[in-house]
Amino acid sequence: CLRRGGIWIATDFVDEKKWWQGLLLFLMYQFFRFACAIQASALPTWEDSLQMQGLRVVKKRNFFGGFISSIVMERAHG
C-alpha cells in the first residue's frame, strides 16, 4: 500500500554464493529450524520481488562482504 513517491527501506541477507556465506546460512537455518521450527532453507530474492511491485532502487549499500544489503527504494510516480 505504498503511495506513489513513497520510500521503502529494506535490509536483509543476500546469498552471494561465497563459501563462508553458505556456511553461515547453513548454521543460521539449523539454529532457527531447531529454535523456531522454520521450514525455510534458502534466502528469497526479496530485492527482485520489490522491483516487480513497481519500486526502483534509489540507494544501495552492502555490508559484511556483500552478505547484508540495505536498499532505499521508491514507488514510481507514474
C-alpha atoms as a PDB file:
ATOM      1  CA  CYS A   1       0.000   0.000   0.000  1.00  0.00           C
ATOM      2  CA  LEU A   2       2.931   2.315  -0.588  1.00  0.00           C
ATOM      3  CA  ARG A   3       1.823   5.541  -2.250  1.00  0.00           C
ATOM      4  CA  ARG A   4       3.448   6.922  -5.399  1.00  0.00           C
ATOM      5  CA  GLY A   5       6.679   8.626  -4.434  1.00  0.00           C
ATOM      6  CA  GLY A   6       6.733   6.664  -1.162  1.00  0.00           C
ATOM      7  CA  ILE A   7      10.028   5.349   0.215  1.00  0.00           C
ATOM      8  CA  TRP A   8      10.651   1.733   1.241  1.00  0.00           C
ATOM      9  CA  ILE A   9      13.764   0.803   3.233  1.00  0.00           C
ATOM     10  CA  ALA A  10      14.801  -2.848   3.371  1.00  0.00           C
ATOM     11  CA  THR A  11      17.760  -4.641   4.911  1.00  0.00           C
ATOM     12  CA  ASP A  12      18.284  -8.378   4.710  1.00  0.00           C
ATOM     13  CA  PHE A  13      20.738 -11.138   3.934  1.00  0.00           C
ATOM     14  CA  VAL A  14      21.754 -11.777   0.318  1.00  0.00           C
ATOM     15  CA  ASP A  15      23.357 -15.017  -0.862  1.00  0.00           C
ATOM     16  CA  GLU A  16      26.372 -14.032  -2.936  1.00  0.00           C
ATOM     17  CA  LYS A  17      27.417 -17.708  -3.221  1.00  0.00           C
ATOM     18  CA  LYS A  18      30.619 -17.283  -1.204  1.00  0.00           C
ATOM     19  CA  TRP A  19      31.678 -20.360   0.769  1.00  0.00           C
ATOM     20  CA  TRP A  20      31.652 -18.611   4.143  1.00  0.00           C
ATOM     21  CA  GLN A  21      28.186 -17.182   3.481  1.00  0.00           C
ATOM     22  CA  GLY A  22      26.936 -20.672   2.698  1.00  0.00           C
ATOM     23  CA  LEU A  23      28.367 -21.913   5.987  1.00  0.00           C
ATOM     24  CA  LEU A  24      26.774 -19.078   7.970  1.00  0.00           C
ATOM     25  CA  LEU A  25      23.441 -19.595   6.206  1.00  0.00           C
ATOM     26  CA  PHE A  26      23.551 -23.303   6.975  1.00  0.00           C
ATOM     27  CA  LEU A  27      24.237 -22.628  10.654  1.00  0.00           C
ATOM     28  CA  MET A  28      21.524 -19.961  10.863  1.00  0.00           C
ATOM     29  CA  TYR A  29      18.943 -22.222   9.223  1.00  0.00           C
ATOM     30  CA  GLN A  30      19.850 -25.096  11.533  1.00  0.00           C
ATOM     31  CA  PHE A  31      19.534 -22.862  14.598  1.00  0.00           C
ATOM     32  CA  PHE A  32      16.183 -21.373  13.553  1.00  0.00           C
ATOM     33  CA  ARG A  33      14.859 -24.756  12.456  1.00  0.00           C
ATOM     34  CA  PHE A  34      15.604 -26.055  15.959  1.00  0.00           C
ATOM     35  CA  ALA A  35      14.574 -22.919  17.900  1.00  0.00           C
ATOM     36  CA  CYS A  36      11.515 -21.843  15.883  1.00  0.00           C
ATOM     37  CA  ALA A  37      10.651 -24.821  13.663  1.00  0.00           C
ATOM     38  CA  ILE A  38      11.009 -22.780  10.461  1.00  0.00           C
ATOM     39  CA  GLN A  39      10.822 -24.657   7.176  1.00  0.00           C
ATOM     40  CA  ALA A  40      12.807 -22.216   5.003  1.00  0.00           C
ATOM     41  CA  SER A  41      16.062 -23.450   3.518  1.00  0.00           C
ATOM     42  CA  ALA A  42      17.054 -20.642   1.130  1.00  0.00           C
ATOM     43  CA  LEU A  43      17.038 -16.880   1.049  1.00  0.00           C
ATOM     44  CA  PRO A  44      14.276 -15.262  -1.000  1.00  0.00           C
ATOM     45  CA  THR A  45      15.139 -12.892  -3.830  1.00  0.00           C
ATOM     46  CA  TRP A  46      13.489 -10.043  -1.955  1.00  0.00           C
ATOM     47  CA  GLU A  47      15.049  -7.227  -3.998  1.00  0.00           C
ATOM     48  CA  ASP A  48      13.662  -8.694  -7.237  1.00  0.00           C
ATOM     49  CA  SER A  49      10.245  -9.121  -5.605  1.00  0.00           C
ATOM     50  CA  LEU A  50      10.135  -5.455  -4.590  1.00  0.00           C
ATOM     51  CA  GLN A  51      11.180  -4.313  -8.060  1.00  0.00           C
ATOM     52  CA  MET A  52       8.394  -6.420  -9.591  1.00  0.00           C
ATOM     53  CA  GLN A  53       5.975  -4.466  -7.393  1.00  0.00           C
ATOM     54  CA  GLY A  54       6.995  -1.222  -9.084  1.00  0.00           C
ATOM     55  CA  LEU A  55       9.704   0.017  -6.730  1.00  0.00           C
ATOM     56  CA  ARG A  56      13.012   1.306  -8.044  1.00  0.00           C
ATOM     57  CA  VAL A  57      16.340   1.372  -6.229  1.00  0.00           C
ATOM     58  CA  VAL A  58      17.348   4.868  -5.089  1.00  0.00           C
ATOM     59  CA  LYS A  59      20.346   3.896  -2.968  1.00  0.00           C
ATOM     60  CA  LYS A  60      22.030   0.617  -2.088  1.00  0.00           C
ATOM     61  CA  ARG A  61      24.828  -0.341   0.297  1.00  0.00           C
ATOM     62  CA  ASN A  62      26.283  -3.761   1.011  1.00  0.00           C
ATOM     63  CA  PHE A  63      27.859  -4.815   4.283  1.00  0.00           C
ATOM     64  CA  PHE A  64      29.711  -7.785   5.719  1.00  0.00           C
ATOM     65  CA  GLY A  65      31.309  -8.760   2.422  1.00  0.00           C
ATOM     66  CA  GLY A  66      28.054  -8.401   0.489  1.00  0.00           C
ATOM     67  CA  PHE A  67      26.161 -10.757   2.812  1.00  0.00           C
ATOM     68  CA  ILE A  68      23.872  -7.978   4.070  1.00  0.00           C
ATOM     69  CA  SER A  69      22.229  -5.496   1.716  1.00  0.00           C
ATOM     70  CA  SER A  70      20.428  -2.266   2.627  1.00  0.00           C
ATOM     71  CA  ILE A  71      18.290  -0.666  -0.062  1.00  0.00           C
ATOM     72  CA  VAL A  72      16.252   2.505  -0.260  1.00  0.00           C
ATOM     73  CA  MET A  73      13.524   2.123  -2.871  1.00  0.00           C
ATOM     74  CA  GLU A  74      10.871   4.466  -4.206  1.00  0.00           C
ATOM     75  CA  ARG A  75       7.442   3.787  -5.672  1.00  0.00           C
ATOM     76  CA  ALA A  76       7.321   5.089  -9.256  1.00  0.00           C
ATOM     77  CA  HIS A  77       5.460   8.370  -9.701  1.00  0.00           C
ATOM     78  CA  GLY A  78       3.684   7.226 -12.892  1.00  0.00           C
END
